Structures are given as structure tokens and as C-alpha cells.
Amino acid sequence: MENIKTALIIEGGGQRGVFSFGITDTFINRNYDPFDIYIGVSNGVAVLYWYLIRETDNNLDKMLYAAEGDYRSYKNIFTSKDILKFHQMYEDGEKMFKPSMEKIKNNLEGKDYIAVVTDAIEATAEYYSFGDDEWMPKMIASATLPILVKTPSLINGRRKFDGGIADPLPVEKAYEMGATKIIVIRTYEKKFRRKLKLENYIGALLSREYPKLRKALLEHDKTYNRALDFINTPPHDCEIVQLCPPEKLRSKRDSKNIEILKADYKLGKRVAEEFLNGLEDCDQKR
């Protein structure tokens, strides 16, 4: 019998990741994990991290602590200091929540867990597997946004940036790895199409030392929408399911409003429950 691989992909989105956490917490509570491949982009790498540890007790708290902490200062935009103190946030979070790498290793036996990063010089996507080396630098690199995070994220001596620049929705990568069933947890509604935003132009303007990265930032809408085209018209032997918020999330990338974050977390739980209940209904009708 042919070995069918199933992949779980989690999109980035900063604090919008509370929605993704709501979904994965529900998956854990319902013992749902048919996946062989896990691919995270930006904050999605961290969501997968806790999904693979199988802890749900304080996953919402992990997002709320980032919102409540002093990790953002826009007055640093014209200095060499971080606007988003990203490295410090991850370091503090590791001390506070004490993740178990051993649990991930045990739950990953025979499977792949991948972080997507963007190389600063070539502006190409790179895919790092858990177990390659220290994992925390890969997680941080996958979510290191140009301009906002000025402390360099280095892997093998080369600077890396947010994986979402080069491959925001790595469905083609999952398919290349043999996945013919793919679930994508999105932080945007299904009808969403990417348009260039002011931050793309600012990022490109201030990234002149990396010409290819600058170009990638100015073409990010095309990169994102090509991935959506693959999702909407996958190869004939590939099934792709999107778990999206039914409407635009109220949470923003840098939201600090606790009640809004809690509401979007609950929305993620509701979307996951509806999805899993639908699977059970299909099984019962067979």
C-alpha cells in the first residue's frame, strides 16, 4: 500500500498566532495528530513547538506575556537598537515556560519538523529540520523581521530573516517532501489576497545593503499570492485543507489588547472543533 504523507503548515503573523494556538490546543485535547511533516513560518514555528511538546495549559499565556512585556519601542526606528526586542522575548519566554526538548524529540520520531527562514544575501527560502543543531536560533531567525529586529540572527555565520519573506505558505515544499494531504493553519481569512503594504516599502528602503532581499520585499505580494494559487488549485494527487478565521482577526501583528487576543484564541478553538467534528461525521457515514 502506498505511503501517504500528511503535513501540517502554520502561517506566521505575530500576535495573530493566538488563533493558531487555539487550533493546535484543540488538536492536542482531541488527540489529533495524523501528521508526518510539520512546517512553521515565523510565529508558526513557535506554535508547532508547543504542539509537539503536547502542552496546552498555558499556551495562551505565552502570547499574552509577549503582549504584556516591554518588548517593543518604535522610538528605536532610527537607532541601532531593536524596535522589537525579539531575542530577549524568546530568551525570557524560555526561562518562564521551560520547554522540554526531549518531549519534542520523542513525539517527532520518524517525522520532520521544519522552520523556514530567508537568507539575507540570496533572499531564498531555507528549510531547517529540528535536530540539525541548536533549535532556538532557527526559531528566532524564522521570525526576525527586517528593520524591526536589528540584532542579527545568524545561522552558520550568515544573516537570516523571517521565513515569510521567501516562502510565507510553504505548501509546495510540503508537496515536494511527499505530502499529498496538507492542512494549512492560516492567520488570514480564506478570501484574503496579499497587497504590498507601507512596511514593505519601508523595509525595502532600509535594506539596501541586501539588494535581493530588497527586491523580495517589493515582490512579496506576488510570492504570497502564488502560494495561494497552489493552495486553491493543487496537483490532482494532493488535497489541501485551509483552517482560516471566518473573518479578519481583530488581533494585529503587534497587538497588546488582552481581551482581543483571548477572543481570537477562542475563535481558533471553535474553528478546530468544527473541523474535527466534521471529520468524525464523515467517518460515521462511511
C-alpha atoms as a PDB file:
ATOM      1  CA  MET A   1       0.000   0.000   0.000  1.00  0.00           C
ATOM      2  CA  GLU A   2       1.303   3.451  -0.930  1.00  0.00           C
ATOM      3  CA  ASN A   3       2.643   5.504   1.973  1.00  0.00           C
ATOM      4  CA  ILE A   4       0.574   8.694   2.076  1.00  0.00           C
ATOM      5  CA  LYS A   5       2.219  11.561   3.943  1.00  0.00           C
ATOM      6  CA  THR A   6       0.256  14.260   5.705  1.00  0.00           C
ATOM      7  CA  ALA A   7       1.644  17.716   6.508  1.00  0.00           C
ATOM      8  CA  LEU A   8       0.675  20.490   8.901  1.00  0.00           C
ATOM      9  CA  ILE A   9       1.747  24.001   7.918  1.00  0.00           C
ATOM     10  CA  ILE A  10       1.315  27.005  10.201  1.00  0.00           C
ATOM     11  CA  GLU A  11       1.488  30.520   8.796  1.00  0.00           C
ATOM     12  CA  GLY A  12       3.141  33.351  10.700  1.00  0.00           C
ATOM     13  CA  GLY A  13       1.508  36.565  11.821  1.00  0.00           C
ATOM     14  CA  GLY A  14       2.968  37.720  15.114  1.00  0.00           C
ATOM     15  CA  GLN A  15       0.301  38.063  17.778  1.00  0.00           C
ATOM     16  CA  ARG A  16      -2.306  36.747  15.334  1.00  0.00           C
ATOM     17  CA  GLY A  17      -0.777  33.403  16.258  1.00  0.00           C
ATOM     18  CA  VAL A  18      -3.227  33.230  19.162  1.00  0.00           C
ATOM     19  CA  PHE A  19      -5.711  31.935  16.582  1.00  0.00           C
ATOM     20  CA  SER A  20      -3.277  29.184  15.552  1.00  0.00           C
ATOM     21  CA  PHE A  21      -2.658  28.304  19.200  1.00  0.00           C
ATOM     22  CA  GLY A  22      -6.398  27.883  19.673  1.00  0.00           C
ATOM     23  CA  ILE A  23      -6.428  25.352  16.844  1.00  0.00           C
ATOM     24  CA  THR A  24      -3.379  23.350  17.953  1.00  0.00           C
ATOM     25  CA  ASP A  25      -4.502  23.301  21.599  1.00  0.00           C
ATOM     26  CA  THR A  26      -7.777  21.781  20.419  1.00  0.00           C
ATOM     27  CA  PHE A  27      -5.862  19.252  18.331  1.00  0.00           C
ATOM     28  CA  ILE A  28      -3.916  18.227  21.428  1.00  0.00           C
ATOM     29  CA  ASN A  29      -7.022  17.963  23.600  1.00  0.00           C
ATOM     30  CA  ARG A  30      -8.750  15.858  20.944  1.00  0.00           C
ATOM     31  CA  ASN A  31      -5.641  13.680  20.352  1.00  0.00           C
ATOM     32  CA  TYR A  32      -5.481  14.714  16.705  1.00  0.00           C
ATOM     33  CA  ASP A  33      -2.074  14.299  15.101  1.00  0.00           C
ATOM     34  CA  PRO A  34      -2.050  12.352  11.819  1.00  0.00           C
ATOM     35  CA  PHE A  35       0.931  14.339  10.546  1.00  0.00           C
ATOM     36  CA  ASP A  36       4.288  13.201   9.192  1.00  0.00           C
ATOM     37  CA  ILE A  37       5.617  16.667   8.359  1.00  0.00           C
ATOM     38  CA  TYR A  38       5.320  19.912  10.325  1.00  0.00           C
ATOM     39  CA  ILE A  39       6.420  23.185   8.729  1.00  0.00           C
ATOM     40  CA  GLY A  40       6.283  26.528  10.520  1.00  0.00           C
ATOM     41  CA  VAL A  41       6.883  30.045   9.288  1.00  0.00           C
ATOM     42  CA  SER A  42       7.760  32.857  11.685  1.00  0.00           C
ATOM     43  CA  ASN A  43       5.476  32.604  14.742  1.00  0.00           C
ATOM     44  CA  GLY A  44       4.130  29.374  13.258  1.00  0.00           C
ATOM     45  CA  VAL A  45       7.404  27.651  14.223  1.00  0.00           C
ATOM     46  CA  ALA A  46       6.739  28.511  17.873  1.00  0.00           C
ATOM     47  CA  VAL A  47       3.133  27.318  17.679  1.00  0.00           C
ATOM     48  CA  LEU A  48       4.339  23.966  16.331  1.00  0.00           C
ATOM     49  CA  TYR A  49       6.980  23.866  19.061  1.00  0.00           C
ATOM     50  CA  TRP A  50       4.338  23.742  21.772  1.00  0.00           C
ATOM     51  CA  TYR A  51       2.058  21.485  19.744  1.00  0.00           C
ATOM     52  CA  LEU A  52       4.864  18.934  19.577  1.00  0.00           C
ATOM     53  CA  ILE A  53       5.556  19.279  23.289  1.00  0.00           C
ATOM     54  CA  ARG A  54       1.857  18.495  23.791  1.00  0.00           C
ATOM     55  CA  GLU A  55       1.246  21.183  26.401  1.00  0.00           C
ATOM     56  CA  THR A  56      -1.951  23.218  26.405  1.00  0.00           C
ATOM     57  CA  ASP A  57      -2.097  24.518  29.978  1.00  0.00           C
ATOM     58  CA  ASN A  58      -0.641  27.951  29.295  1.00  0.00           C
ATOM     59  CA  ASN A  59      -0.273  28.410  25.552  1.00  0.00           C
ATOM     60  CA  LEU A  60      -2.485  31.485  25.564  1.00  0.00           C
ATOM     61  CA  ASP A  61      -0.300  32.855  28.353  1.00  0.00           C
ATOM     62  CA  LYS A  62       2.726  32.552  26.060  1.00  0.00           C
ATOM     63  CA  MET A  63       1.150  35.043  23.674  1.00  0.00           C
ATOM     64  CA  LEU A  64      -0.192  37.271  26.423  1.00  0.00           C
ATOM     65  CA  TYR A  65       3.182  37.554  28.141  1.00  0.00           C
ATOM     66  CA  ALA A  66       4.658  38.884  24.899  1.00  0.00           C
ATOM     67  CA  ALA A  67       1.844  41.430  24.676  1.00  0.00           C
ATOM     68  CA  GLU A  68       2.210  42.476  28.305  1.00  0.00           C
ATOM     69  CA  GLY A  69       6.018  42.649  28.293  1.00  0.00           C
ATOM     70  CA  ASP A  70       8.231  45.608  27.437  1.00  0.00           C
ATOM     71  CA  TYR A  71       9.475  44.230  24.130  1.00  0.00           C
ATOM     72  CA  ARG A  72       8.580  46.997  21.697  1.00  0.00           C
ATOM     73  CA  SER A  73       9.866  50.533  21.226  1.00  0.00           C
ATOM     74  CA  TYR A  74       9.179  52.374  17.975  1.00  0.00           C
ATOM     75  CA  LYS A  75      11.411  55.247  19.095  1.00  0.00           C
ATOM     76  CA  ASN A  76      14.340  52.991  18.138  1.00  0.00           C
ATOM     77  CA  ILE A  77      13.482  53.110  14.439  1.00  0.00           C
ATOM     78  CA  PHE A  78      16.363  55.476  13.637  1.00  0.00           C
ATOM     79  CA  THR A  79      18.853  53.897  16.036  1.00  0.00           C
ATOM     80  CA  SER A  80      20.822  50.646  16.010  1.00  0.00           C
ATOM     81  CA  LYS A  81      18.581  49.233  18.752  1.00  0.00           C
ATOM     82  CA  ASP A  82      15.743  46.751  18.244  1.00  0.00           C
ATOM     83  CA  ILE A  83      12.249  48.123  17.757  1.00  0.00           C
ATOM     84  CA  LEU A  84      11.054  44.632  18.676  1.00  0.00           C
ATOM     85  CA  LYS A  85      13.300  43.046  21.318  1.00  0.00           C
ATOM     86  CA  PHE A  86      12.769  39.666  19.775  1.00  0.00           C
ATOM     87  CA  HIS A  87      15.812  37.803  21.010  1.00  0.00           C
ATOM     88  CA  GLN A  88      15.137  38.987  24.560  1.00  0.00           C
ATOM     89  CA  MET A  89      11.479  37.961  24.297  1.00  0.00           C
ATOM     90  CA  TYR A  90      12.401  34.394  23.304  1.00  0.00           C
ATOM     91  CA  GLU A  91      15.074  34.176  25.994  1.00  0.00           C
ATOM     92  CA  ASP A  92      12.646  35.347  28.676  1.00  0.00           C
ATOM     93  CA  GLY A  93       9.936  33.011  27.402  1.00  0.00           C
ATOM     94  CA  GLU A  94      12.259  30.017  27.539  1.00  0.00           C
ATOM     95  CA  LYS A  95      13.119  30.802  31.163  1.00  0.00           C
ATOM     96  CA  MET A  96       9.486  31.345  32.108  1.00  0.00           C
ATOM     97  CA  PHE A  97       7.837  28.377  30.370  1.00  0.00           C
ATOM     98  CA  LYS A  98      10.731  25.873  30.407  1.00  0.00           C
ATOM     99  CA  PRO A  99      10.009  23.931  27.190  1.00  0.00           C
ATOM    100  CA  SER A 100      11.038  20.283  27.049  1.00  0.00           C
ATOM    101  CA  MET A 101      13.152  19.475  24.005  1.00  0.00           C
ATOM    102  CA  GLU A 102      13.049  15.799  24.958  1.00  0.00           C
ATOM    103  CA  LYS A 103       9.272  15.718  24.545  1.00  0.00           C
ATOM    104  CA  ILE A 104       9.618  17.130  21.038  1.00  0.00           C
ATOM    105  CA  LYS A 105      12.242  14.526  20.150  1.00  0.00           C
ATOM    106  CA  ASN A 106      10.018  11.730  21.432  1.00  0.00           C
ATOM    107  CA  ASN A 107       6.952  12.984  19.562  1.00  0.00           C
ATOM    108  CA  LEU A 108       8.933  13.522  16.361  1.00  0.00           C
ATOM    109  CA  GLU A 109      10.302  10.026  15.932  1.00  0.00           C
ATOM    110  CA  GLY A 110      10.236   9.266  12.209  1.00  0.00           C
ATOM    111  CA  LYS A 111       8.775  12.693  11.388  1.00  0.00           C
ATOM    112  CA  ASP A 112      10.030  16.101  10.174  1.00  0.00           C
ATOM    113  CA  TYR A 113       9.657  19.465  11.930  1.00  0.00           C
ATOM    114  CA  ILE A 114      10.916  22.339   9.793  1.00  0.00           C
ATOM    115  CA  ALA A 115      11.500  26.058  10.294  1.00  0.00           C
ATOM    116  CA  VAL A 116      11.512  28.302   7.222  1.00  0.00           C
ATOM    117  CA  VAL A 117      13.983  31.195   7.123  1.00  0.00           C
ATOM    118  CA  THR A 118      15.038  33.687   4.457  1.00  0.00           C
ATOM    119  CA  ASP A 119      18.712  34.162   3.654  1.00  0.00           C
ATOM    120  CA  ALA A 120      19.626  37.855   3.762  1.00  0.00           C
ATOM    121  CA  ILE A 121      22.026  37.826   0.809  1.00  0.00           C
ATOM    122  CA  GLU A 122      20.247  35.495  -1.616  1.00  0.00           C
ATOM    123  CA  ALA A 123      16.680  36.173  -0.356  1.00  0.00           C
ATOM    124  CA  THR A 124      15.899  32.480  -0.867  1.00  0.00           C
ATOM    125  CA  ALA A 125      13.978  30.219   1.480  1.00  0.00           C
ATOM    126  CA  GLU A 126      15.933  27.782   3.615  1.00  0.00           C
ATOM    127  CA  TYR A 127      14.370  24.876   5.476  1.00  0.00           C
ATOM    128  CA  TYR A 128      15.941  23.748   8.745  1.00  0.00           C
ATOM    129  CA  SER A 129      14.929  20.475  10.364  1.00  0.00           C
ATOM    130  CA  PHE A 130      14.655  20.004  14.100  1.00  0.00           C
ATOM    131  CA  GLY A 131      17.747  18.214  15.313  1.00  0.00           C
ATOM    132  CA  ASP A 132      20.093  19.851  12.792  1.00  0.00           C
ATOM    133  CA  ASP A 133      21.670  21.912  15.574  1.00  0.00           C
ATOM    134  CA  GLU A 134      20.505  24.317  18.239  1.00  0.00           C
ATOM    135  CA  TRP A 135      16.825  24.917  17.601  1.00  0.00           C
ATOM    136  CA  MET A 136      16.154  28.238  19.323  1.00  0.00           C
ATOM    137  CA  PRO A 137      18.295  30.258  16.859  1.00  0.00           C
ATOM    138  CA  LYS A 138      16.305  28.726  13.985  1.00  0.00           C
ATOM    139  CA  MET A 139      13.006  29.693  15.623  1.00  0.00           C
ATOM    140  CA  ILE A 140      14.203  33.222  16.222  1.00  0.00           C
ATOM    141  CA  ALA A 141      15.594  33.559  12.700  1.00  0.00           C
ATOM    142  CA  SER A 142      12.297  32.418  11.170  1.00  0.00           C
ATOM    143  CA  ALA A 143      10.513  35.380  12.767  1.00  0.00           C
ATOM    144  CA  THR A 144      13.245  38.046  12.544  1.00  0.00           C
ATOM    145  CA  LEU A 145      11.664  40.880  10.608  1.00  0.00           C
ATOM    146  CA  PRO A 146      13.916  43.354   8.784  1.00  0.00           C
ATOM    147  CA  ILE A 147      14.074  46.788  10.414  1.00  0.00           C
ATOM    148  CA  LEU A 148      12.023  45.788  13.472  1.00  0.00           C
ATOM    149  CA  VAL A 149      14.718  43.381  14.709  1.00  0.00           C
ATOM    150  CA  LYS A 150      18.186  44.850  14.309  1.00  0.00           C
ATOM    151  CA  THR A 151      20.052  42.276  16.373  1.00  0.00           C
ATOM    152  CA  PRO A 152      21.327  39.867  13.692  1.00  0.00           C
ATOM    153  CA  SER A 153      20.008  36.301  13.528  1.00  0.00           C
ATOM    154  CA  LEU A 154      22.944  34.228  12.327  1.00  0.00           C
ATOM    155  CA  ILE A 155      22.993  30.614  11.138  1.00  0.00           C
ATOM    156  CA  ASN A 156      26.359  29.242  10.039  1.00  0.00           C
ATOM    157  CA  GLY A 157      27.686  32.796  10.102  1.00  0.00           C
ATOM    158  CA  ARG A 158      25.116  34.175   7.640  1.00  0.00           C
ATOM    159  CA  ARG A 159      22.343  36.584   8.476  1.00  0.00           C
ATOM    160  CA  LYS A 160      18.773  35.294   8.218  1.00  0.00           C
ATOM    161  CA  PHE A 161      15.356  36.915   8.264  1.00  0.00           C
ATOM    162  CA  ASP A 162      11.696  35.988   8.579  1.00  0.00           C
ATOM    163  CA  GLY A 163      10.843  32.892   6.533  1.00  0.00           C
ATOM    164  CA  GLY A 164       7.635  34.531   5.382  1.00  0.00           C
ATOM    165  CA  ILE A 165       9.565  36.820   3.043  1.00  0.00           C
ATOM    166  CA  ALA A 166      10.691  33.990   0.762  1.00  0.00           C
ATOM    167  CA  ASP A 167       8.075  31.295   1.462  1.00  0.00           C
ATOM    168  CA  PRO A 168       5.106  32.517   3.521  1.00  0.00           C
ATOM    169  CA  LEU A 169       2.932  29.449   2.842  1.00  0.00           C
ATOM    170  CA  PRO A 170       5.283  26.505   2.140  1.00  0.00           C
ATOM    171  CA  VAL A 171       2.719  24.187   0.587  1.00  0.00           C
ATOM    172  CA  GLU A 172       4.896  23.412  -2.435  1.00  0.00           C
ATOM    173  CA  LYS A 173       7.748  22.440  -0.116  1.00  0.00           C
ATOM    174  CA  ALA A 174       5.451  20.031   1.749  1.00  0.00           C
ATOM    175  CA  TYR A 175       4.311  18.541  -1.567  1.00  0.00           C
ATOM    176  CA  GLU A 176       7.935  18.146  -2.706  1.00  0.00           C
ATOM    177  CA  MET A 177       8.577  16.253   0.544  1.00  0.00           C
ATOM    178  CA  GLY A 178       5.874  13.775  -0.409  1.00  0.00           C
ATOM    179  CA  ALA A 179       2.847  15.183   1.403  1.00  0.00           C
ATOM    180  CA  THR A 180      -0.359  14.594  -0.523  1.00  0.00           C
ATOM    181  CA  LYS A 181      -2.625  15.680   2.323  1.00  0.00           C
ATOM    182  CA  ILE A 182      -1.843  19.123   3.667  1.00  0.00           C
ATOM    183  CA  ILE A 183      -3.560  21.141   6.369  1.00  0.00           C
ATOM    184  CA  VAL A 184      -2.656  24.830   6.445  1.00  0.00           C
ATOM    185  CA  ILE A 185      -3.455  26.924   9.511  1.00  0.00           C
ATOM    186  CA  ARG A 186      -3.817  30.484   8.240  1.00  0.00           C
ATOM    187  CA  THR A 187      -3.970  33.742  10.173  1.00  0.00           C
ATOM    188  CA  TYR A 188      -5.898  35.433   7.381  1.00  0.00           C
ATOM    189  CA  GLU A 189      -9.381  34.695   6.121  1.00  0.00           C
ATOM    190  CA  LYS A 190      -9.726  32.418   3.090  1.00  0.00           C
ATOM    191  CA  LYS A 191     -10.607  35.198   0.629  1.00  0.00           C
ATOM    192  CA  PHE A 192      -7.521  37.237   1.559  1.00  0.00           C
ATOM    193  CA  ARG A 193      -5.090  38.195  -1.209  1.00  0.00           C
ATOM    194  CA  ARG A 194      -1.818  39.913  -0.358  1.00  0.00           C
ATOM    195  CA  LYS A 195      -1.203  43.526  -1.346  1.00  0.00           C
ATOM    196  CA  LEU A 196       2.018  45.381  -0.724  1.00  0.00           C
ATOM    197  CA  LYS A 197       1.877  47.455   2.440  1.00  0.00           C
ATOM    198  CA  LEU A 198       3.777  50.519   3.559  1.00  0.00           C
ATOM    199  CA  GLU A 199       6.013  48.296   5.702  1.00  0.00           C
ATOM    200  CA  ASN A 200       7.221  46.510   2.546  1.00  0.00           C
ATOM    201  CA  TYR A 201       8.387  49.795   1.034  1.00  0.00           C
ATOM    202  CA  ILE A 202       9.986  50.962   4.276  1.00  0.00           C
ATOM    203  CA  GLY A 203      11.680  47.582   4.726  1.00  0.00           C
ATOM    204  CA  ALA A 204      12.995  47.690   1.165  1.00  0.00           C
ATOM    205  CA  LEU A 205      14.213  51.269   1.555  1.00  0.00           C
ATOM    206  CA  LEU A 206      16.159  50.388   4.700  1.00  0.00           C
ATOM    207  CA  SER A 207      17.516  47.077   3.345  1.00  0.00           C
ATOM    208  CA  ARG A 208      19.661  48.498   0.563  1.00  0.00           C
ATOM    209  CA  GLU A 209      22.693  46.549   1.782  1.00  0.00           C
ATOM    210  CA  TYR A 210      20.817  43.384   0.688  1.00  0.00           C
ATOM    211  CA  PRO A 211      19.619  44.061  -2.901  1.00  0.00           C
ATOM    212  CA  LYS A 212      17.956  40.662  -3.393  1.00  0.00           C
ATOM    213  CA  LEU A 213      16.154  40.923  -0.059  1.00  0.00           C
ATOM    214  CA  ARG A 214      15.006  44.404  -1.037  1.00  0.00           C
ATOM    215  CA  LYS A 215      13.566  43.006  -4.275  1.00  0.00           C
ATOM    216  CA  ALA A 216      11.862  40.153  -2.398  1.00  0.00           C
ATOM    217  CA  LEU A 217      10.163  42.632  -0.059  1.00  0.00           C
ATOM    218  CA  LEU A 218       8.863  44.599  -3.045  1.00  0.00           C
ATOM    219  CA  GLU A 219       7.548  41.400  -4.660  1.00  0.00           C
ATOM    220  CA  HIS A 220       6.117  39.840  -1.524  1.00  0.00           C
ATOM    221  CA  ASP A 221       2.537  40.169  -2.748  1.00  0.00           C
ATOM    222  CA  LYS A 222       3.358  38.042  -5.805  1.00  0.00           C
ATOM    223  CA  THR A 223       5.202  35.437  -3.706  1.00  0.00           C
ATOM    224  CA  TYR A 224       2.305  35.138  -1.273  1.00  0.00           C
ATOM    225  CA  ASN A 225      -0.389  35.011  -3.916  1.00  0.00           C
ATOM    226  CA  ARG A 226       1.463  32.331  -5.918  1.00  0.00           C
ATOM    227  CA  ALA A 227       1.303  30.136  -2.844  1.00  0.00           C
ATOM    228  CA  LEU A 228      -2.431  30.842  -2.591  1.00  0.00           C
ATOM    229  CA  ASP A 229      -2.830  29.802  -6.232  1.00  0.00           C
ATOM    230  CA  PHE A 230      -1.160  26.467  -5.419  1.00  0.00           C
ATOM    231  CA  ILE A 231      -3.477  26.023  -2.436  1.00  0.00           C
ATOM    232  CA  ASN A 232      -6.574  26.784  -4.487  1.00  0.00           C
ATOM    233  CA  THR A 233      -5.536  24.648  -7.477  1.00  0.00           C
ATOM    234  CA  PRO A 234      -3.312  21.885  -6.095  1.00  0.00           C
ATOM    235  CA  PRO A 235      -1.982  18.959  -8.156  1.00  0.00           C
ATOM    236  CA  HIS A 236      -4.550  16.244  -8.818  1.00  0.00           C
ATOM    237  CA  ASP A 237      -2.929  13.917  -6.272  1.00  0.00           C
ATOM    238  CA  CYS A 238      -2.817  16.493  -3.471  1.00  0.00           C
ATOM    239  CA  GLU A 239      -5.572  17.532  -1.052  1.00  0.00           C
ATOM    240  CA  ILE A 240      -5.155  20.859   0.770  1.00  0.00           C
ATOM    241  CA  VAL A 241      -7.394  21.992   3.624  1.00  0.00           C
ATOM    242  CA  GLN A 242      -7.233  25.526   4.970  1.00  0.00           C
ATOM    243  CA  LEU A 243      -8.192  26.350   8.556  1.00  0.00           C
ATOM    244  CA  CYS A 244      -8.803  30.079   8.419  1.00  0.00           C
ATOM    245  CA  PRO A 245     -10.546  32.631  10.612  1.00  0.00           C
ATOM    246  CA  PRO A 246     -14.067  33.117   9.230  1.00  0.00           C
ATOM    247  CA  GLU A 247     -13.485  36.864   9.196  1.00  0.00           C
ATOM    248  CA  LYS A 248     -10.486  39.133   9.609  1.00  0.00           C
ATOM    249  CA  LEU A 249      -8.904  38.640  13.025  1.00  0.00           C
ATOM    250  CA  ARG A 250      -9.090  41.585  15.357  1.00  0.00           C
ATOM    251  CA  SER A 251      -5.567  40.825  16.570  1.00  0.00           C
ATOM    252  CA  LYS A 252      -2.741  42.563  14.720  1.00  0.00           C
ATOM    253  CA  ARG A 253       0.888  41.510  14.413  1.00  0.00           C
ATOM    254  CA  ASP A 254       1.813  43.613  17.456  1.00  0.00           C
ATOM    255  CA  SER A 255      -1.474  43.595  19.403  1.00  0.00           C
ATOM    256  CA  LYS A 256      -1.321  44.258  23.129  1.00  0.00           C
ATOM    257  CA  ASN A 257      -5.064  44.203  23.830  1.00  0.00           C
ATOM    258  CA  ILE A 258      -5.535  41.147  26.044  1.00  0.00           C
ATOM    259  CA  GLU A 259      -9.277  40.770  25.504  1.00  0.00           C
ATOM    260  CA  ILE A 260      -8.890  40.832  21.710  1.00  0.00           C
ATOM    261  CA  LEU A 261      -6.132  38.214  21.886  1.00  0.00           C
ATOM    262  CA  LYS A 262      -8.261  35.981  24.110  1.00  0.00           C
ATOM    263  CA  ALA A 263     -11.216  36.301  21.729  1.00  0.00           C
ATOM    264  CA  ASP A 264      -9.127  35.269  18.698  1.00  0.00           C
ATOM    265  CA  TYR A 265      -7.716  32.316  20.660  1.00  0.00           C
ATOM    266  CA  LYS A 266     -11.285  31.157  21.374  1.00  0.00           C
ATOM    267  CA  LEU A 267     -12.120  31.621  17.696  1.00  0.00           C
ATOM    268  CA  GLY A 268      -9.262  29.280  16.791  1.00  0.00           C
ATOM    269  CA  LYS A 269     -10.633  26.679  19.195  1.00  0.00           C
ATOM    270  CA  ARG A 270     -14.064  26.981  17.602  1.00  0.00           C
ATOM    271  CA  VAL A 271     -12.704  26.573  14.063  1.00  0.00           C
ATOM    272  CA  ALA A 272     -10.747  23.486  15.156  1.00  0.00           C
ATOM    273  CA  GLU A 273     -13.763  21.936  16.882  1.00  0.00           C
ATOM    274  CA  GLU A 274     -15.893  22.427  13.764  1.00  0.00           C
ATOM    275  CA  PHE A 275     -13.174  20.865  11.608  1.00  0.00           C
ATOM    276  CA  LEU A 276     -12.688  17.833  13.853  1.00  0.00           C
ATOM    277  CA  ASN A 277     -16.430  17.317  14.302  1.00  0.00           C
ATOM    278  CA  GLY A 278     -16.769  17.339  10.522  1.00  0.00           C
ATOM    279  CA  LEU A 279     -14.122  14.630  10.235  1.00  0.00           C
ATOM    280  CA  GLU A 280     -15.951  12.495  12.788  1.00  0.00           C
ATOM    281  CA  ASP A 281     -19.227  12.931  10.930  1.00  0.00           C
ATOM    282  CA  CYS A 282     -17.580  11.778   7.686  1.00  0.00           C
ATOM    283  CA  ASP A 283     -16.122   8.720   9.434  1.00  0.00           C
ATOM    284  CA  GLN A 284     -19.518   7.774  10.856  1.00  0.00           C
ATOM    285  CA  LYS A 285     -21.186   7.976   7.425  1.00  0.00           C
ATOM    286  CA  ARG A 286     -18.690   5.585   5.836  1.00  0.00           C
END
